[in-house]
């Protein structure tokens, strides 16, 4: 979510709006609608949605969000909208790096989720970059990636809570 306005045109009757360009796939958008009636009463509504992709293509939805600050235990998690058969190719198209130069490894949870994290916790106050170059990568026969995305986020201070399940 980059907070840049999307240019578009409002229908003459005010009932719909159409963007000037095609919206990006797998992107979260926030809508803010302003309205006023004939008596001058005003209202503002906010809503969000995330775009999707067609059957023969795939994208990855990721956390953390671009520009966010997260805890030392937060993994980079990519959830794919289609099952991935060619895991090696898809994983190698995603690069995760940190300013702390920690070794970061990927781990698959089934066919649609890939997490990246260091062996232990992230180093506090480090910066993490994610570079997804999925455009053209074949996830499964006939299913190709249609997404290139760069994400940067920050690791906050270290605050680790532990639980004793015996008591």
N, C-alpha and C. Protein backbone atom coordinates (compact mmCIF):
# COMPACT_ATOMS: atom_id res chain seq x y z
N UNK A 1 0.87 -1.17 0.00
CA UNK A 1 0.00 0.00 0.00
C UNK A 1 0.91 1.22 0.00
N UNK A 2 0.92 1.98 -1.11
CA UNK A 2 1.86 3.09 -1.21
C UNK A 2 1.23 4.45 -0.97
N UNK A 3 -0.06 4.51 -0.70
CA UNK A 3 -0.77 5.74 -0.34
C UNK A 3 -0.81 6.78 -1.46
N UNK A 4 -0.45 6.42 -2.70
CA UNK A 4 -0.54 7.36 -3.81
C UNK A 4 -1.97 7.33 -4.35
N UNK A 5 -2.53 8.50 -4.68
CA UNK A 5 -3.88 8.52 -5.25
C UNK A 5 -3.91 7.81 -6.61
N UNK A 6 -5.02 7.16 -6.90
CA UNK A 6 -5.23 6.50 -8.19
C UNK A 6 -6.15 7.40 -9.01
N UNK A 7 -5.69 7.82 -10.18
CA UNK A 7 -6.50 8.69 -11.04
C UNK A 7 -7.64 7.90 -11.66
N UNK A 8 -8.78 8.56 -11.82
CA UNK A 8 -9.92 7.90 -12.42
C UNK A 8 -11.03 8.89 -12.72
N UNK A 9 -12.17 8.35 -13.17
CA UNK A 9 -13.31 9.17 -13.57
C UNK A 9 -14.57 8.73 -12.85
N UNK A 10 -15.28 9.69 -12.29
CA UNK A 10 -16.55 9.44 -11.63
C UNK A 10 -17.67 9.49 -12.68
N UNK A 11 -18.58 8.51 -12.64
CA UNK A 11 -19.72 8.50 -13.56
C UNK A 11 -20.56 9.76 -13.38
N UNK A 12 -21.23 10.19 -14.44
CA UNK A 12 -22.04 11.42 -14.41
C UNK A 12 -23.07 11.41 -13.30
N UNK A 13 -23.65 10.24 -13.02
CA UNK A 13 -24.66 10.16 -11.96
C UNK A 13 -24.05 9.95 -10.57
N UNK A 14 -22.71 9.85 -10.51
CA UNK A 14 -22.03 9.70 -9.23
C UNK A 14 -22.12 8.32 -8.61
N UNK A 15 -22.63 7.34 -9.36
CA UNK A 15 -22.85 6.01 -8.78
C UNK A 15 -21.65 5.08 -8.89
N UNK A 16 -20.66 5.42 -9.72
CA UNK A 16 -19.49 4.55 -9.87
C UNK A 16 -18.27 5.36 -10.25
N UNK A 17 -17.12 4.72 -10.14
CA UNK A 17 -15.84 5.34 -10.46
C UNK A 17 -15.01 4.32 -11.21
N UNK A 18 -14.25 4.76 -12.22
CA UNK A 18 -13.41 3.86 -13.00
C UNK A 18 -11.99 4.41 -13.00
N UNK A 19 -10.99 3.55 -12.66
CA UNK A 19 -9.60 4.02 -12.67
C UNK A 19 -9.11 4.30 -14.09
N UNK A 20 -8.19 5.24 -14.21
CA UNK A 20 -7.63 5.61 -15.52
C UNK A 20 -6.80 4.46 -16.09
N UNK A 21 -6.05 3.77 -15.23
CA UNK A 21 -5.22 2.63 -15.64
C UNK A 21 -5.67 1.39 -14.88
N UNK A 22 -5.27 0.22 -15.39
CA UNK A 22 -5.59 -1.03 -14.70
C UNK A 22 -4.93 -1.03 -13.32
N UNK A 23 -5.65 -1.50 -12.32
CA UNK A 23 -5.08 -1.59 -10.98
C UNK A 23 -4.04 -2.69 -10.93
N UNK A 24 -3.05 -2.54 -10.06
CA UNK A 24 -2.02 -3.56 -9.89
C UNK A 24 -2.63 -4.82 -9.28
N UNK A 25 -2.15 -5.98 -9.71
CA UNK A 25 -2.61 -7.24 -9.12
C UNK A 25 -2.01 -7.40 -7.73
N UNK A 26 -2.72 -8.10 -6.88
CA UNK A 26 -2.27 -8.39 -5.52
C UNK A 26 -1.84 -7.13 -4.78
N UNK A 27 -2.63 -6.11 -4.86
CA UNK A 27 -2.31 -4.85 -4.21
C UNK A 27 -3.50 -4.41 -3.36
N UNK A 28 -3.19 -3.96 -2.15
CA UNK A 28 -4.23 -3.49 -1.25
C UNK A 28 -4.50 -2.01 -1.55
N UNK A 29 -5.78 -1.69 -1.73
CA UNK A 29 -6.20 -0.32 -2.00
C UNK A 29 -7.16 0.14 -0.90
N UNK A 30 -7.09 1.42 -0.59
CA UNK A 30 -8.01 2.04 0.36
C UNK A 30 -8.85 3.06 -0.40
N UNK A 31 -10.15 2.99 -0.21
CA UNK A 31 -11.07 3.93 -0.85
C UNK A 31 -11.60 4.89 0.21
N UNK A 32 -11.58 6.17 -0.11
CA UNK A 32 -12.22 7.17 0.73
C UNK A 32 -13.26 7.88 -0.12
N UNK A 33 -14.52 7.76 0.27
CA UNK A 33 -15.62 8.36 -0.50
C UNK A 33 -16.25 9.49 0.30
N UNK A 34 -16.39 10.64 -0.34
CA UNK A 34 -17.03 11.81 0.26
C UNK A 34 -18.36 12.02 -0.44
N UNK A 35 -19.41 12.30 0.31
CA UNK A 35 -20.74 12.53 -0.27
C UNK A 35 -21.43 13.66 0.47
N UNK A 36 -22.34 14.31 -0.24
CA UNK A 36 -23.17 15.36 0.36
C UNK A 36 -24.55 15.28 -0.27
N UNK A 37 -25.58 15.48 0.55
CA UNK A 37 -26.94 15.47 0.00
C UNK A 37 -27.39 16.89 -0.33
N UNK A 38 -28.61 17.02 -0.82
CA UNK A 38 -29.12 18.32 -1.26
C UNK A 38 -29.28 19.32 -0.12
N UNK A 39 -29.30 18.83 1.12
CA UNK A 39 -29.42 19.71 2.28
C UNK A 39 -28.07 20.08 2.88
N UNK A 40 -26.99 19.64 2.22
CA UNK A 40 -25.66 19.99 2.68
C UNK A 40 -25.06 19.06 3.72
N UNK A 41 -25.77 17.98 4.07
CA UNK A 41 -25.20 17.02 5.03
C UNK A 41 -24.10 16.23 4.33
N UNK A 42 -23.00 16.03 5.05
CA UNK A 42 -21.84 15.37 4.46
C UNK A 42 -21.55 14.05 5.17
N UNK A 43 -20.95 13.15 4.42
CA UNK A 43 -20.53 11.86 4.97
C UNK A 43 -19.22 11.45 4.31
N UNK A 44 -18.40 10.73 5.06
CA UNK A 44 -17.15 10.17 4.55
C UNK A 44 -17.11 8.70 4.94
N UNK A 45 -16.81 7.84 3.99
CA UNK A 45 -16.69 6.41 4.25
C UNK A 45 -15.34 5.93 3.74
N UNK A 46 -14.78 4.94 4.45
CA UNK A 46 -13.50 4.33 4.07
C UNK A 46 -13.70 2.83 3.90
N UNK A 47 -13.02 2.25 2.93
CA UNK A 47 -13.07 0.81 2.71
C UNK A 47 -11.76 0.37 2.09
N UNK A 48 -11.41 -0.90 2.23
CA UNK A 48 -10.20 -1.43 1.60
C UNK A 48 -10.55 -2.70 0.83
N UNK A 49 -9.73 -3.00 -0.18
CA UNK A 49 -9.85 -4.25 -0.91
C UNK A 49 -8.48 -4.60 -1.47
N UNK A 50 -8.30 -5.88 -1.82
CA UNK A 50 -7.06 -6.35 -2.43
C UNK A 50 -7.41 -7.00 -3.76
N UNK A 51 -6.69 -6.62 -4.81
CA UNK A 51 -6.95 -7.17 -6.13
C UNK A 51 -6.42 -8.60 -6.24
N UNK A 52 -6.91 -9.37 -7.22
CA UNK A 52 -6.53 -10.77 -7.41
C UNK A 52 -5.95 -10.96 -8.81
N UNK A 53 -5.67 -12.23 -9.19
CA UNK A 53 -5.10 -12.51 -10.51
C UNK A 53 -5.88 -13.63 -11.21
N UNK A 54 -5.77 -13.73 -12.55
CA UNK A 54 -6.49 -14.75 -13.31
C UNK A 54 -5.98 -16.18 -13.07
N UNK A 55 -6.69 -17.20 -13.63
CA UNK A 55 -6.38 -18.62 -13.41
C UNK A 55 -4.99 -19.04 -13.86
N UNK A 56 -4.50 -18.53 -14.98
CA UNK A 56 -3.22 -18.99 -15.51
C UNK A 56 -2.03 -18.18 -14.99
N UNK A 57 -2.26 -17.39 -13.96
CA UNK A 57 -1.18 -16.62 -13.36
C UNK A 57 -1.25 -16.73 -11.85
N UNK A 58 -0.14 -16.38 -11.20
CA UNK A 58 -0.14 -16.39 -9.74
C UNK A 58 0.58 -15.18 -9.21
N UNK A 59 0.26 -14.85 -7.98
CA UNK A 59 0.89 -13.75 -7.28
C UNK A 59 1.12 -14.18 -5.83
N UNK A 60 1.93 -13.42 -5.13
CA UNK A 60 2.17 -13.68 -3.71
C UNK A 60 1.69 -12.51 -2.88
N UNK A 61 0.88 -12.80 -1.88
CA UNK A 61 0.47 -11.78 -0.90
C UNK A 61 1.42 -11.91 0.28
N UNK A 62 1.94 -10.82 0.76
CA UNK A 62 3.03 -10.88 1.73
C UNK A 62 2.71 -10.10 3.00
N UNK A 63 3.39 -10.52 4.04
CA UNK A 63 3.49 -9.75 5.27
C UNK A 63 4.95 -9.83 5.69
N UNK A 64 5.45 -8.82 6.34
CA UNK A 64 4.86 -7.57 6.79
C UNK A 64 4.62 -6.60 5.63
N UNK A 65 3.83 -5.58 5.93
CA UNK A 65 3.51 -4.53 4.96
C UNK A 65 4.75 -3.66 4.70
N UNK A 66 4.82 -3.10 3.51
CA UNK A 66 5.88 -2.18 3.16
C UNK A 66 5.87 -0.98 4.11
N UNK A 67 7.03 -0.63 4.64
CA UNK A 67 7.15 0.53 5.52
C UNK A 67 6.80 0.28 6.97
N UNK A 68 6.44 -0.95 7.32
CA UNK A 68 6.02 -1.23 8.70
C UNK A 68 7.22 -1.50 9.61
N UNK A 69 6.96 -1.49 10.90
CA UNK A 69 7.93 -1.90 11.91
C UNK A 69 7.34 -3.09 12.64
N UNK A 70 8.12 -4.18 12.72
CA UNK A 70 7.61 -5.42 13.30
C UNK A 70 8.56 -5.93 14.37
N UNK A 71 8.12 -6.96 15.08
CA UNK A 71 8.92 -7.55 16.14
C UNK A 71 10.02 -8.46 15.62
N UNK A 72 10.94 -8.82 16.51
CA UNK A 72 12.11 -9.62 16.14
C UNK A 72 11.76 -11.04 15.73
N UNK A 73 10.56 -11.51 16.04
CA UNK A 73 10.16 -12.87 15.69
C UNK A 73 9.29 -12.97 14.45
N UNK A 74 9.00 -11.85 13.80
CA UNK A 74 8.07 -11.84 12.66
C UNK A 74 8.74 -12.39 11.40
N UNK A 75 8.19 -13.45 10.80
CA UNK A 75 8.76 -13.92 9.54
C UNK A 75 8.26 -13.09 8.36
N UNK A 76 8.99 -13.16 7.26
CA UNK A 76 8.45 -12.69 5.99
C UNK A 76 7.61 -13.85 5.49
N UNK A 77 6.34 -13.64 5.31
CA UNK A 77 5.44 -14.71 4.90
C UNK A 77 4.80 -14.35 3.56
N UNK A 78 4.94 -15.26 2.59
CA UNK A 78 4.35 -15.06 1.27
C UNK A 78 3.31 -16.14 1.06
N UNK A 79 2.07 -15.72 0.87
CA UNK A 79 0.96 -16.65 0.60
C UNK A 79 0.59 -16.52 -0.86
N UNK A 80 0.74 -17.62 -1.60
CA UNK A 80 0.47 -17.62 -3.03
C UNK A 80 -1.00 -17.92 -3.29
N UNK A 81 -1.57 -17.30 -4.32
CA UNK A 81 -2.98 -17.49 -4.62
C UNK A 81 -3.26 -18.76 -5.43
N UNK A 82 -2.22 -19.48 -5.82
CA UNK A 82 -2.35 -20.77 -6.51
C UNK A 82 -1.34 -21.74 -5.89
N UNK A 83 -1.61 -23.05 -5.91
CA UNK A 83 -0.63 -24.02 -5.41
C UNK A 83 0.66 -23.96 -6.23
N UNK A 84 1.79 -24.08 -5.55
CA UNK A 84 3.10 -24.02 -6.19
C UNK A 84 3.68 -25.43 -6.25
N UNK A 85 3.98 -25.89 -7.46
CA UNK A 85 4.63 -27.19 -7.66
C UNK A 85 6.14 -27.01 -7.80
N UNK A 86 6.56 -25.97 -8.51
CA UNK A 86 7.99 -25.71 -8.74
C UNK A 86 8.52 -24.81 -7.62
N UNK A 87 8.59 -25.38 -6.43
CA UNK A 87 8.95 -24.59 -5.24
C UNK A 87 10.35 -24.00 -5.34
N UNK A 88 11.29 -24.75 -5.88
CA UNK A 88 12.67 -24.26 -5.97
C UNK A 88 12.74 -22.99 -6.84
N UNK A 89 12.07 -23.02 -8.00
CA UNK A 89 12.11 -21.85 -8.89
C UNK A 89 11.44 -20.64 -8.26
N UNK A 90 10.30 -20.86 -7.62
CA UNK A 90 9.58 -19.76 -6.99
C UNK A 90 10.39 -19.19 -5.83
N UNK A 91 10.94 -20.06 -4.99
CA UNK A 91 11.72 -19.59 -3.84
C UNK A 91 12.95 -18.81 -4.29
N UNK A 92 13.61 -19.27 -5.35
CA UNK A 92 14.82 -18.57 -5.80
C UNK A 92 14.50 -17.22 -6.44
N UNK A 93 13.24 -16.97 -6.79
CA UNK A 93 12.84 -15.68 -7.36
C UNK A 93 12.53 -14.64 -6.29
N UNK A 94 12.63 -15.03 -5.02
CA UNK A 94 12.36 -14.12 -3.91
C UNK A 94 13.64 -13.96 -3.10
N UNK A 95 14.13 -12.75 -3.01
CA UNK A 95 15.35 -12.46 -2.25
C UNK A 95 14.99 -11.65 -1.02
N UNK A 96 15.44 -12.13 0.14
CA UNK A 96 15.22 -11.42 1.40
C UNK A 96 16.59 -11.12 1.99
N UNK A 97 16.83 -9.87 2.34
CA UNK A 97 18.11 -9.46 2.91
C UNK A 97 17.87 -8.53 4.09
N UNK A 98 18.84 -8.51 5.00
CA UNK A 98 18.73 -7.61 6.15
C UNK A 98 20.01 -6.82 6.33
N UNK A 99 19.88 -5.64 6.92
CA UNK A 99 21.05 -4.80 7.17
C UNK A 99 21.97 -5.43 8.20
N UNK A 100 21.47 -6.42 8.95
CA UNK A 100 22.29 -7.11 9.95
C UNK A 100 23.09 -8.26 9.34
N UNK A 101 22.91 -8.51 8.04
CA UNK A 101 23.62 -9.57 7.32
C UNK A 101 23.40 -10.96 7.89
N UNK A 102 22.26 -11.19 8.53
CA UNK A 102 21.95 -12.51 9.04
C UNK A 102 21.63 -13.45 7.88
N UNK A 103 21.92 -14.74 8.05
CA UNK A 103 21.52 -15.73 7.06
C UNK A 103 20.01 -15.92 7.18
N UNK A 104 19.32 -15.82 6.07
CA UNK A 104 17.86 -15.92 6.06
C UNK A 104 17.49 -17.14 5.21
N UNK A 105 16.67 -18.01 5.77
CA UNK A 105 16.28 -19.23 5.06
C UNK A 105 14.78 -19.27 4.84
N UNK A 106 14.38 -19.97 3.78
CA UNK A 106 12.97 -20.13 3.46
C UNK A 106 12.46 -21.49 3.91
N UNK A 107 11.20 -21.55 4.28
CA UNK A 107 10.56 -22.81 4.68
C UNK A 107 9.14 -22.83 4.14
N UNK A 108 8.78 -23.91 3.45
CA UNK A 108 7.44 -24.05 2.88
C UNK A 108 6.50 -24.68 3.88
N UNK A 109 5.29 -24.16 3.93
CA UNK A 109 4.19 -24.73 4.70
C UNK A 109 3.13 -25.12 3.67
N UNK A 110 3.16 -26.35 3.21
CA UNK A 110 2.25 -26.78 2.16
C UNK A 110 2.67 -26.22 0.81
N UNK A 111 1.71 -26.08 -0.10
CA UNK A 111 2.00 -25.63 -1.47
C UNK A 111 1.72 -24.16 -1.71
N UNK A 112 1.25 -23.42 -0.69
CA UNK A 112 0.87 -22.04 -0.95
C UNK A 112 1.45 -21.03 0.02
N UNK A 113 2.31 -21.46 0.94
CA UNK A 113 2.89 -20.51 1.88
C UNK A 113 4.39 -20.76 2.02
N UNK A 114 5.15 -19.67 1.90
CA UNK A 114 6.60 -19.70 2.04
C UNK A 114 7.00 -18.62 3.03
N UNK A 115 7.68 -19.03 4.11
CA UNK A 115 8.16 -18.08 5.12
C UNK A 115 9.67 -17.96 5.05
N UNK A 116 10.18 -16.77 5.30
CA UNK A 116 11.62 -16.51 5.39
C UNK A 116 11.90 -15.90 6.75
N UNK A 117 12.99 -16.36 7.36
CA UNK A 117 13.42 -15.77 8.64
C UNK A 117 14.84 -16.23 8.94
N UNK A 118 15.52 -15.51 9.84
CA UNK A 118 16.84 -15.98 10.27
C UNK A 118 16.68 -17.19 11.20
N UNK A 119 17.78 -17.88 11.45
CA UNK A 119 17.75 -19.06 12.33
C UNK A 119 17.18 -18.70 13.70
N UNK A 120 17.63 -17.59 14.24
CA UNK A 120 17.11 -17.11 15.52
C UNK A 120 16.24 -15.88 15.23
N UNK A 121 16.17 -14.97 16.14
CA UNK A 121 15.39 -13.75 15.94
C UNK A 121 16.13 -12.77 15.03
N UNK A 122 15.37 -11.85 14.43
CA UNK A 122 15.98 -10.75 13.69
C UNK A 122 16.76 -9.91 14.69
N UNK A 123 17.82 -9.27 14.23
CA UNK A 123 18.55 -8.33 15.07
C UNK A 123 17.69 -7.07 15.24
N UNK A 124 17.56 -6.57 16.48
CA UNK A 124 16.74 -5.37 16.71
C UNK A 124 17.22 -4.20 15.85
N UNK A 125 16.28 -3.39 15.43
CA UNK A 125 16.52 -2.16 14.67
C UNK A 125 17.16 -2.37 13.30
N UNK A 126 17.14 -3.59 12.79
CA UNK A 126 17.68 -3.82 11.45
C UNK A 126 16.61 -3.52 10.40
N UNK A 127 17.07 -3.35 9.18
CA UNK A 127 16.16 -3.10 8.06
C UNK A 127 16.14 -4.35 7.19
N UNK A 128 14.95 -4.72 6.71
CA UNK A 128 14.79 -5.91 5.88
C UNK A 128 14.20 -5.52 4.54
N UNK A 129 14.75 -6.09 3.47
CA UNK A 129 14.21 -5.86 2.13
C UNK A 129 13.79 -7.19 1.52
N UNK A 130 12.67 -7.15 0.82
CA UNK A 130 12.15 -8.31 0.11
C UNK A 130 12.01 -7.91 -1.35
N UNK A 131 12.62 -8.69 -2.24
CA UNK A 131 12.55 -8.42 -3.67
C UNK A 131 11.94 -9.65 -4.34
N UNK A 132 10.66 -9.54 -4.71
CA UNK A 132 9.96 -10.65 -5.36
C UNK A 132 9.98 -10.40 -6.86
N UNK A 133 10.63 -11.29 -7.60
CA UNK A 133 10.68 -11.21 -9.06
C UNK A 133 9.98 -12.44 -9.62
N UNK A 134 8.67 -12.49 -9.45
CA UNK A 134 7.87 -13.65 -9.84
C UNK A 134 7.38 -13.57 -11.29
N UNK A 135 7.51 -12.42 -11.94
CA UNK A 135 7.00 -12.26 -13.29
C UNK A 135 7.67 -13.26 -14.23
N UNK A 136 6.87 -14.14 -14.85
CA UNK A 136 7.39 -15.14 -15.78
C UNK A 136 7.83 -16.45 -15.15
N UNK A 137 7.91 -16.52 -13.83
CA UNK A 137 8.31 -17.76 -13.14
C UNK A 137 7.14 -18.74 -13.17
N UNK A 138 7.42 -19.99 -13.55
CA UNK A 138 6.36 -20.99 -13.63
C UNK A 138 6.20 -21.69 -12.28
N UNK A 139 5.05 -21.50 -11.64
CA UNK A 139 4.77 -22.11 -10.34
C UNK A 139 4.27 -23.54 -10.51
N UNK A 140 3.55 -23.78 -11.59
CA UNK A 140 2.99 -25.09 -11.92
C UNK A 140 2.79 -25.08 -13.44
N UNK A 141 2.61 -26.24 -14.06
CA UNK A 141 2.41 -26.25 -15.51
C UNK A 141 1.30 -25.29 -15.95
N UNK A 142 1.66 -24.32 -16.81
CA UNK A 142 0.70 -23.37 -17.33
C UNK A 142 0.35 -22.21 -16.42
N UNK A 143 0.98 -22.13 -15.25
CA UNK A 143 0.68 -21.06 -14.29
C UNK A 143 1.95 -20.25 -14.05
N UNK A 144 1.96 -19.00 -14.56
CA UNK A 144 3.16 -18.16 -14.45
C UNK A 144 2.91 -16.95 -13.58
N UNK A 145 3.99 -16.52 -12.93
CA UNK A 145 3.94 -15.34 -12.08
C UNK A 145 3.74 -14.07 -12.89
N UNK A 146 3.03 -13.12 -12.30
CA UNK A 146 2.75 -11.83 -12.96
C UNK A 146 3.05 -10.68 -12.00
N UNK A 147 4.07 -10.86 -11.17
CA UNK A 147 4.29 -9.87 -10.12
C UNK A 147 5.78 -9.65 -9.87
N UNK A 148 6.16 -8.40 -9.83
CA UNK A 148 7.46 -7.98 -9.32
C UNK A 148 7.16 -6.95 -8.25
N UNK A 149 7.72 -7.13 -7.07
CA UNK A 149 7.38 -6.24 -5.95
C UNK A 149 8.60 -6.12 -5.06
N UNK A 150 8.84 -4.91 -4.57
CA UNK A 150 9.89 -4.67 -3.58
C UNK A 150 9.23 -4.15 -2.32
N UNK A 151 9.63 -4.71 -1.19
CA UNK A 151 9.05 -4.35 0.10
C UNK A 151 10.20 -4.10 1.07
N UNK A 152 10.09 -3.05 1.86
CA UNK A 152 11.08 -2.75 2.90
C UNK A 152 10.36 -2.53 4.21
N UNK A 153 10.91 -3.10 5.28
CA UNK A 153 10.33 -2.87 6.60
C UNK A 153 11.45 -2.87 7.63
N UNK A 154 11.11 -2.47 8.83
CA UNK A 154 12.08 -2.31 9.91
C UNK A 154 11.76 -3.28 11.04
N UNK A 155 12.81 -3.75 11.70
CA UNK A 155 12.64 -4.56 12.91
C UNK A 155 12.74 -3.61 14.09
N UNK A 156 11.82 -3.71 15.01
CA UNK A 156 11.81 -2.84 16.18
C UNK A 156 12.76 -3.34 17.26
N UNK A 157 12.52 -2.88 18.48
CA UNK A 157 13.35 -3.32 19.61
C UNK A 157 13.03 -4.76 19.94
N UNK A 158 13.90 -5.40 20.67
CA UNK A 158 13.68 -6.80 21.06
C UNK A 158 12.78 -6.87 22.28
N UNK A 159 11.66 -7.55 22.13
CA UNK A 159 10.75 -7.79 23.25
C UNK A 159 10.19 -9.19 23.04
N UNK A 160 10.76 -10.16 23.76
CA UNK A 160 10.39 -11.56 23.58
C UNK A 160 9.66 -12.05 24.82
N UNK A 161 8.48 -12.61 24.63
CA UNK A 161 7.71 -13.18 25.74
C UNK A 161 7.77 -14.70 25.64
N UNK A 162 7.95 -15.35 26.77
CA UNK A 162 7.94 -16.81 26.79
C UNK A 162 6.82 -17.28 27.70
N UNK A 163 6.30 -18.46 27.39
CA UNK A 163 5.19 -19.02 28.15
C UNK A 163 5.62 -20.36 28.72
N UNK A 164 5.30 -20.60 29.99
CA UNK A 164 5.56 -21.88 30.62
C UNK A 164 4.26 -22.67 30.60
N UNK A 165 4.19 -23.67 29.74
CA UNK A 165 2.96 -24.44 29.57
C UNK A 165 2.71 -25.41 30.73
N UNK A 166 3.67 -25.57 31.62
CA UNK A 166 3.53 -26.50 32.74
C UNK A 166 2.70 -25.93 33.88
N UNK A 167 2.58 -24.61 33.96
CA UNK A 167 1.84 -24.00 35.09
C UNK A 167 0.51 -23.47 34.65
